[in-house]
Protein backbone atom coordinates (compact mmCIF):
# COMPACT_ATOMS: atom_id res chain seq x y z
CA MET A 1 -1.13 58.68 -42.51
CA ALA A 2 -1.72 55.21 -43.96
CA GLY A 3 1.29 53.92 -42.03
CA GLN A 4 -0.07 55.39 -38.81
CA GLY A 5 -3.40 53.65 -39.45
CA LEU A 6 -1.69 50.32 -39.97
CA ASP A 7 0.35 50.80 -36.82
CA ALA A 8 -2.81 51.54 -34.87
CA SER A 9 -4.52 48.45 -36.29
CA PHE A 10 -1.57 46.23 -35.44
CA GLY A 11 -1.40 47.78 -31.98
CA TRP A 12 -5.10 47.08 -31.46
CA LEU A 13 -4.66 43.49 -32.62
CA ALA A 14 -1.66 43.03 -30.34
CA SER A 15 -3.63 44.36 -27.38
CA LEU A 16 -6.55 42.06 -28.23
CA SER A 17 -4.16 39.08 -28.51
CA SER A 18 -2.63 39.92 -25.14
CA ILE A 19 -6.08 40.13 -23.56
CA MET A 20 -7.09 36.80 -25.09
CA HIS A 21 -3.90 35.11 -23.90
CA ALA A 22 -4.36 36.57 -20.43
CA SER A 23 -8.00 35.43 -20.43
CA ALA A 24 -7.00 31.90 -21.50
CA ALA A 25 -4.30 31.75 -18.83
CA PHE A 26 -6.79 32.93 -16.22
CA LYS A 27 -9.29 30.26 -17.29
CA ILE A 28 -6.63 27.55 -17.04
CA PHE A 29 -5.59 28.85 -13.62
CA ALA A 30 -9.22 28.97 -12.49
CA ALA A 31 -9.84 25.42 -13.75
CA LEU A 32 -6.75 24.07 -11.98
CA SER A 33 -7.66 25.90 -8.79
CA SER A 34 -11.16 24.46 -8.94
CA LEU A 35 -9.77 20.96 -9.40
CA LEU A 36 -7.49 21.44 -6.40
CA VAL A 37 -10.40 22.66 -4.28
CA VAL A 38 -12.55 19.71 -5.37
CA TYR A 39 -9.70 17.29 -4.66
CA TYR A 40 -9.14 18.83 -1.21
CA ILE A 41 -12.84 18.58 -0.34
CA HIS A 42 -12.96 15.01 -1.69
CA SER A 43 -9.93 14.05 0.42
CA ARG A 44 -11.31 15.57 3.59
CA ILE A 45 -14.72 13.92 3.15
CA SER A 46 -13.10 10.55 2.41
CA GLU A 47 -10.90 10.86 5.48
CA ARG A 48 -13.87 11.66 7.70
CA VAL A 49 -15.93 8.79 6.30
CA LEU A 50 -13.08 6.24 6.57
CA ASN A 51 -12.50 7.28 10.19
CA ASN A 52 -16.23 6.91 10.93
CA TYR A 53 -16.36 10.57 11.99
CA GLN A 54 -14.43 9.54 15.11
CA SER A 55 -11.50 11.52 16.51
CA SER A 56 -8.53 9.76 18.09
CA ASP A 57 -6.39 10.36 21.15
CA PRO A 58 -2.92 11.83 20.54
CA TRP A 59 -0.18 9.33 19.77
CA VAL A 60 2.01 8.31 22.73
CA SER A 61 4.76 5.87 21.73
CA GLU A 62 5.16 4.45 25.24
CA ASN A 63 1.56 3.22 25.19
CA GLU A 64 1.78 1.35 21.90
CA LEU A 65 2.94 -2.09 20.80
CA VAL A 66 3.23 -2.82 17.08
CA LEU A 67 2.86 -6.39 15.82
CA LEU A 68 4.66 -6.64 12.47
CA THR A 69 4.69 -9.71 10.24
CA GLY A 70 7.62 -10.23 7.88
CA GLY A 71 9.75 -7.69 9.71
CA ASN A 72 13.18 -9.15 8.93
CA GLY A 73 13.50 -8.02 5.32
CA GLY A 74 12.38 -5.58 2.65
CA ILE A 75 9.59 -3.18 3.53
CA GLY A 76 8.97 -4.82 6.91
CA LYS A 77 12.55 -4.35 8.04
CA GLN A 78 12.40 -0.67 7.12
CA ILE A 79 9.13 -0.21 9.02
CA MET A 80 10.68 -1.93 12.05
CA GLN A 81 13.75 0.32 11.97
CA ASP A 82 11.73 3.52 11.55
CA LEU A 83 9.34 2.61 14.37
CA SER A 84 12.20 1.66 16.65
CA GLU A 85 13.95 4.98 16.02
CA ARG A 86 10.75 6.75 17.09
CA GLY A 87 10.76 4.86 20.39
CA VAL A 88 7.94 2.45 19.52
CA ARG A 89 8.04 -1.13 20.79
CA VAL A 90 7.82 -3.69 17.98
CA VAL A 91 7.12 -7.42 17.94
CA ILE A 92 8.25 -9.19 14.76
CA LEU A 93 6.60 -12.38 13.58
CA ASP A 94 8.65 -14.05 10.86
CA ILE A 95 9.71 -17.49 9.78
CA GLN A 96 13.17 -16.14 8.94
CA ARG A 97 15.50 -15.19 11.78
CA PRO A 98 17.05 -11.70 11.90
CA THR A 99 20.39 -11.35 10.15
CA ALA A 100 21.57 -8.57 12.48
CA LYS A 101 21.15 -7.59 16.11
CA LEU A 102 17.75 -6.03 16.75
CA PRO A 103 17.22 -2.73 18.58
CA LYS A 104 16.42 -2.99 22.31
CA ASN A 105 12.76 -2.12 21.79
CA VAL A 106 12.23 -4.84 19.15
CA VAL A 107 11.45 -8.48 19.94
CA PHE A 108 11.46 -11.37 17.47
CA TYR A 109 9.29 -14.49 17.52
CA GLU A 110 10.03 -17.21 15.00
CA THR A 111 6.52 -17.97 13.75
CA ASP A 112 4.76 -19.64 10.87
CA ILE A 113 1.98 -17.10 10.35
CA THR A 114 0.16 -19.53 8.06
CA SER A 115 -0.34 -21.97 10.95
CA ALA A 116 -3.15 -21.33 13.45
CA ALA A 117 -1.44 -23.59 16.00
CA SER A 118 1.89 -21.74 15.71
CA LEU A 119 0.18 -18.36 16.00
CA SER A 120 -1.88 -19.41 19.00
CA GLU A 121 1.22 -20.50 20.92
CA VAL A 122 3.17 -17.35 20.04
CA ALA A 123 0.22 -15.05 20.74
CA ALA A 124 -0.11 -16.41 24.26
CA SER A 125 3.57 -15.74 24.88
CA ILE A 126 3.34 -12.20 23.46
CA ARG A 127 0.35 -11.29 25.61
CA LYS A 128 2.09 -12.67 28.69
CA THR A 129 5.49 -11.02 28.19
CA GLN A 130 4.83 -7.97 26.00
CA GLY A 131 1.14 -7.15 26.45
CA ASP A 132 -1.61 -6.81 23.88
CA PRO A 133 -0.56 -5.36 20.52
CA THR A 134 -2.26 -2.06 19.71
CA ILE A 135 -1.14 -1.81 16.07
CA ILE A 136 -1.11 -4.76 13.66
CA VAL A 137 0.82 -4.52 10.39
CA ASN A 138 0.09 -7.44 8.06
CA ASN A 139 3.18 -6.98 5.94
CA ALA A 140 4.51 -10.47 5.15
CA GLY A 141 4.29 -11.43 1.49
CA VAL A 142 5.71 -13.87 -1.05
CA PHE A 143 5.96 -13.96 -4.84
CA HIS A 144 6.89 -16.75 -7.26
CA HIS A 145 7.68 -16.31 -10.94
CA GLY A 146 5.75 -18.45 -13.41
CA SER A 147 2.60 -18.67 -15.49
CA ILE A 148 -0.62 -20.33 -14.35
CA LEU A 149 0.42 -23.64 -15.93
CA GLU A 150 3.93 -23.47 -14.48
CA LYS A 151 3.12 -22.80 -10.84
CA SER A 152 3.24 -25.82 -8.56
CA GLU A 153 0.41 -26.51 -6.13
CA SER A 154 2.75 -25.81 -3.21
CA GLU A 155 3.69 -22.40 -4.67
CA LEU A 156 0.06 -21.49 -5.24
CA ARG A 157 -0.95 -22.47 -1.72
CA ARG A 158 2.04 -20.70 -0.21
CA THR A 159 1.14 -17.48 -2.01
CA PHE A 160 -2.43 -17.44 -0.73
CA ASP A 161 -1.50 -18.72 2.74
CA VAL A 162 1.01 -15.92 3.33
CA ASN A 163 -0.55 -13.06 1.35
CA THR A 164 -4.19 -13.62 2.35
CA ILE A 165 -5.01 -16.41 4.81
CA SER A 166 -2.44 -15.25 7.37
CA HIS A 167 -4.34 -11.96 7.70
CA PHE A 168 -7.39 -13.85 8.89
CA LEU A 169 -5.37 -15.99 11.32
CA ILE A 170 -3.62 -12.94 12.75
CA MET A 171 -6.98 -11.24 13.29
CA LYS A 172 -8.42 -14.26 15.08
CA GLU A 173 -5.62 -13.99 17.64
CA PHE A 174 -5.19 -10.26 18.11
CA LEU A 175 -8.30 -8.42 16.86
CA PRO A 176 -10.38 -9.15 19.99
CA GLY A 177 -7.98 -6.99 22.03
CA LEU A 178 -8.51 -4.02 19.71
CA ILE A 179 -12.28 -4.53 19.71
CA CYS A 180 -12.37 -4.68 23.51
CA ARG A 181 -10.66 -1.28 23.73
CA ASN A 182 -12.34 0.17 20.60
CA LYS A 183 -8.90 1.46 19.77
CA GLY A 184 -5.97 0.44 17.60
CA HIS A 185 -5.01 0.08 13.99
CA VAL A 186 -4.84 -2.73 11.42
CA ILE A 187 -2.63 -2.04 8.40
CA THR A 188 -2.75 -4.31 5.36
CA MET A 189 0.17 -4.40 2.92
CA ALA A 190 -1.35 -4.96 -0.52
CA SER A 191 -0.07 -3.84 -3.93
CA ILE A 192 -1.00 -2.07 -7.14
CA ALA A 193 -1.59 -5.68 -8.18
CA SER A 194 -4.84 -5.45 -6.19
CA PHE A 195 -6.20 -3.49 -9.17
CA VAL A 196 -4.22 -4.83 -12.15
CA ALA A 197 -3.90 -8.51 -13.08
CA VAL A 198 -0.60 -9.24 -14.86
CA GLY A 199 0.67 -12.33 -16.66
CA GLU A 200 3.11 -14.53 -14.72
CA MET A 201 1.89 -12.82 -11.53
CA VAL A 202 -1.69 -14.08 -11.58
CA ASP A 203 -1.65 -15.85 -8.21
CA TYR A 204 0.09 -12.87 -6.60
CA CYS A 205 -2.45 -10.44 -8.11
CA CYS A 206 -5.32 -12.62 -6.90
CA SER A 207 -3.89 -12.74 -3.38
CA LYS A 208 -3.50 -8.96 -3.27
CA ALA A 209 -7.03 -8.41 -4.60
CA SER A 210 -8.11 -10.69 -1.76
CA ALA A 211 -6.12 -8.58 0.70
CA LEU A 212 -8.07 -5.52 -0.47
CA ALA A 213 -11.37 -7.34 0.02
CA PHE A 214 -10.17 -8.44 3.47
CA HIS A 215 -9.41 -4.83 4.40
CA GLU A 216 -12.78 -3.53 3.18
CA GLY A 217 -14.72 -6.33 4.87
CA LEU A 218 -12.81 -5.89 8.13
CA ARG A 219 -13.93 -2.26 8.25
CA GLN A 220 -17.56 -3.31 7.89
CA GLU A 221 -17.37 -5.91 10.64
CA LEU A 222 -15.64 -3.50 13.02
CA LYS A 223 -18.49 -1.01 12.52
CA PHE A 224 -21.56 -3.21 12.36
CA TRP A 225 -20.63 -6.52 13.99
CA TYR A 226 -18.28 -5.52 16.81
CA ASP A 227 -19.25 -1.89 17.52
CA ALA A 228 -15.61 -0.79 17.35
CA PRO A 229 -15.67 2.14 14.89
CA ASN A 230 -12.59 3.72 16.44
CA VAL A 231 -10.30 0.86 15.39
CA ARG A 232 -8.48 2.27 12.38
CA THR A 233 -7.86 0.34 9.17
CA SER A 234 -5.41 1.28 6.43
CA ILE A 235 -4.25 -0.45 3.26
CA VAL A 236 -1.10 0.20 1.24
CA HIS A 237 -0.77 -0.37 -2.52
CA PRO A 238 2.86 0.12 -3.63
CA LEU A 239 3.97 -0.33 -7.22
CA TRP A 240 7.57 -1.55 -7.66
CA VAL A 241 9.65 -1.47 -4.47
CA LYS A 242 13.34 -2.36 -4.50
CA THR A 243 13.30 -5.44 -2.27
CA PRO A 244 14.64 -9.00 -2.61
CA MET A 245 11.13 -10.19 -3.50
CA ILE A 246 11.35 -8.72 -7.01
CA LYS A 247 15.03 -9.52 -7.55
CA GLY A 248 14.00 -11.63 -10.55
CA PHE A 249 12.95 -8.37 -12.23
CA THR A 250 15.50 -5.88 -10.97
CA GLU A 251 18.44 -8.05 -12.02
CA TYR A 252 17.38 -7.29 -15.59
CA GLN A 253 16.83 -3.56 -15.26
CA ALA A 254 17.54 -2.86 -18.94
CA GLU A 255 14.53 -4.99 -19.93
CA PHE A 256 12.51 -4.19 -16.82
CA GLY A 257 12.88 -0.44 -17.16
CA GLN A 258 10.55 0.43 -14.29
CA GLU A 259 11.08 3.14 -11.71
CA LEU A 260 11.75 1.65 -8.28
CA MET A 261 10.75 3.04 -4.90
CA SER A 262 12.85 2.49 -1.81
CA PRO A 263 11.30 0.69 1.18
CA LYS A 264 11.74 3.98 3.03
CA VAL A 265 9.00 5.62 0.90
CA VAL A 266 6.52 2.90 1.84
CA SER A 267 7.56 2.94 5.49
CA GLN A 268 7.09 6.70 5.75
CA ALA A 269 3.55 6.42 4.38
CA VAL A 270 2.73 3.64 6.86
CA LEU A 271 4.15 5.58 9.80
CA GLU A 272 2.16 8.67 8.81
CA HIS A 273 -1.08 6.72 9.17
CA ILE A 274 0.06 5.05 12.37
CA PHE A 275 1.14 8.24 14.14
CA GLU A 276 -1.82 10.30 12.94
CA ARG A 277 -4.17 7.43 13.83
CA LYS A 278 -6.04 7.69 10.55
CA SER A 279 -7.65 5.11 8.32
CA GLY A 280 -7.14 5.25 4.59
CA GLN A 281 -5.99 3.81 1.32
CA ILE A 282 -2.41 4.59 0.29
CA VAL A 283 -1.34 4.21 -3.34
CA LEU A 284 2.38 4.62 -4.00
CA PRO A 285 3.82 6.45 -5.79
CA ARG A 286 1.12 8.96 -4.90
CA HIS A 287 0.69 10.28 -8.43
CA LEU A 288 -0.79 6.86 -9.31
CA ARG A 289 -3.60 7.09 -6.75
CA VAL A 290 -6.05 7.00 -9.68
CA ALA A 291 -5.14 3.29 -9.94
CA GLY A 292 -7.65 2.65 -7.17
CA SER A 293 -10.40 3.58 -9.63
CA LEU A 294 -9.02 1.57 -12.54
CA ARG A 295 -11.82 -1.01 -12.53
CA ALA A 296 -14.34 1.79 -12.95
CA PHE A 297 -12.71 2.71 -16.26
CA PRO A 298 -14.10 1.42 -19.58
CA LEU A 299 -12.69 -1.99 -20.50
CA TRP A 300 -10.92 -0.50 -23.52
CA LEU A 301 -8.91 1.64 -21.11
CA GLN A 302 -8.32 -1.08 -18.53
CA GLU A 303 -6.88 -3.59 -20.97
CA PRO A 304 -3.96 -1.42 -22.21
CA VAL A 305 -2.85 -0.93 -18.60
CA ARG A 306 -2.80 -4.68 -17.97
CA SER A 307 -1.09 -5.25 -21.31
CA PHE A 308 1.60 -2.68 -20.54
CA PHE A 309 2.67 -4.42 -17.33
CA SER A 310 2.34 -7.89 -18.85
CA LYS A 311 4.69 -6.88 -21.68
CA VAL A 312 7.21 -5.64 -19.11
CA VAL A 313 7.09 -8.97 -17.27
CA ARG A 314 7.32 -10.88 -20.56
CA ARG A 315 10.40 -8.93 -21.67
CA VAL A 316 12.18 -9.82 -18.46
CA ARG A 317 11.13 -13.47 -18.73
CA ASP A 318 12.54 -13.74 -22.24
CA VAL A 319 15.95 -12.71 -20.92
CA ARG A 320 15.73 -14.54 -17.61
CA ILE A 321 14.72 -17.86 -19.23
CA PRO A 322 16.01 -17.71 -22.84
CA GLY A 323 14.21 -19.91 -25.34
CA LYS A 324 11.24 -20.68 -23.06
CA SER A 325 7.84 -19.64 -24.44
């Protein structure tokens, strides 16, 4: 009889434990489901706000002309190829000539996008022979290794001229056409560096933070200065992308140790926004989208993030330039 009582007690405890585990699992499931619902609602509201509550006409490739800076290498070359394969006409502005034959629907103009005079001359030719661009992708970018004290004046100016100033010069030539039609898209290629300042990349980080400010300010002027709320604006913040620009890191992968994205990942995200005609902020890889809120974090949380990336860069430097402090 005593044994039966113990068995009953243990059975009751086992049942209670099962109920508690099931209840805990249900609570976790409910919490995760609630977070997903909140995230979905947040995403939809953000999308509506960023698109100024305006709907867009369906995408028709034959009616579009994409102006792409820096389209002969890295991310830009991938964007050009993917657009071309989808039947979209592309105009490349680049100071470097193509290394291979371009598709039939792609045209190249050798251009110094940091020169207003060069852009003015090329823009007139584009409008005359190709028409007015409907999509503008400010993709061109440069990066130089070196600390603040090591960078030359020419390197500093080149970084800001290409990564920031060129965006303004491009807009001065081609934005009026978008405003006139109240239709089109301006895409800004920025970086995770817009949010995180890293040693030996300070000028680059500053230029990409400036690109973010450019993007945000452009949206405001389109709405309140030029009454063109249907012109879309998107900005892209990739982390590490396997391109020649970061060859100085990727050649030392053992010390670098960072996961690399292919240009294809970035291109696909850009094309999604182009074809769906939607404004937005794209952080890649997507699981790092919280990076956009980094500066809202407490300073004691921000600093370890900056320190992490600075230590990565420092490790690579110590191997790339042995004996240099």
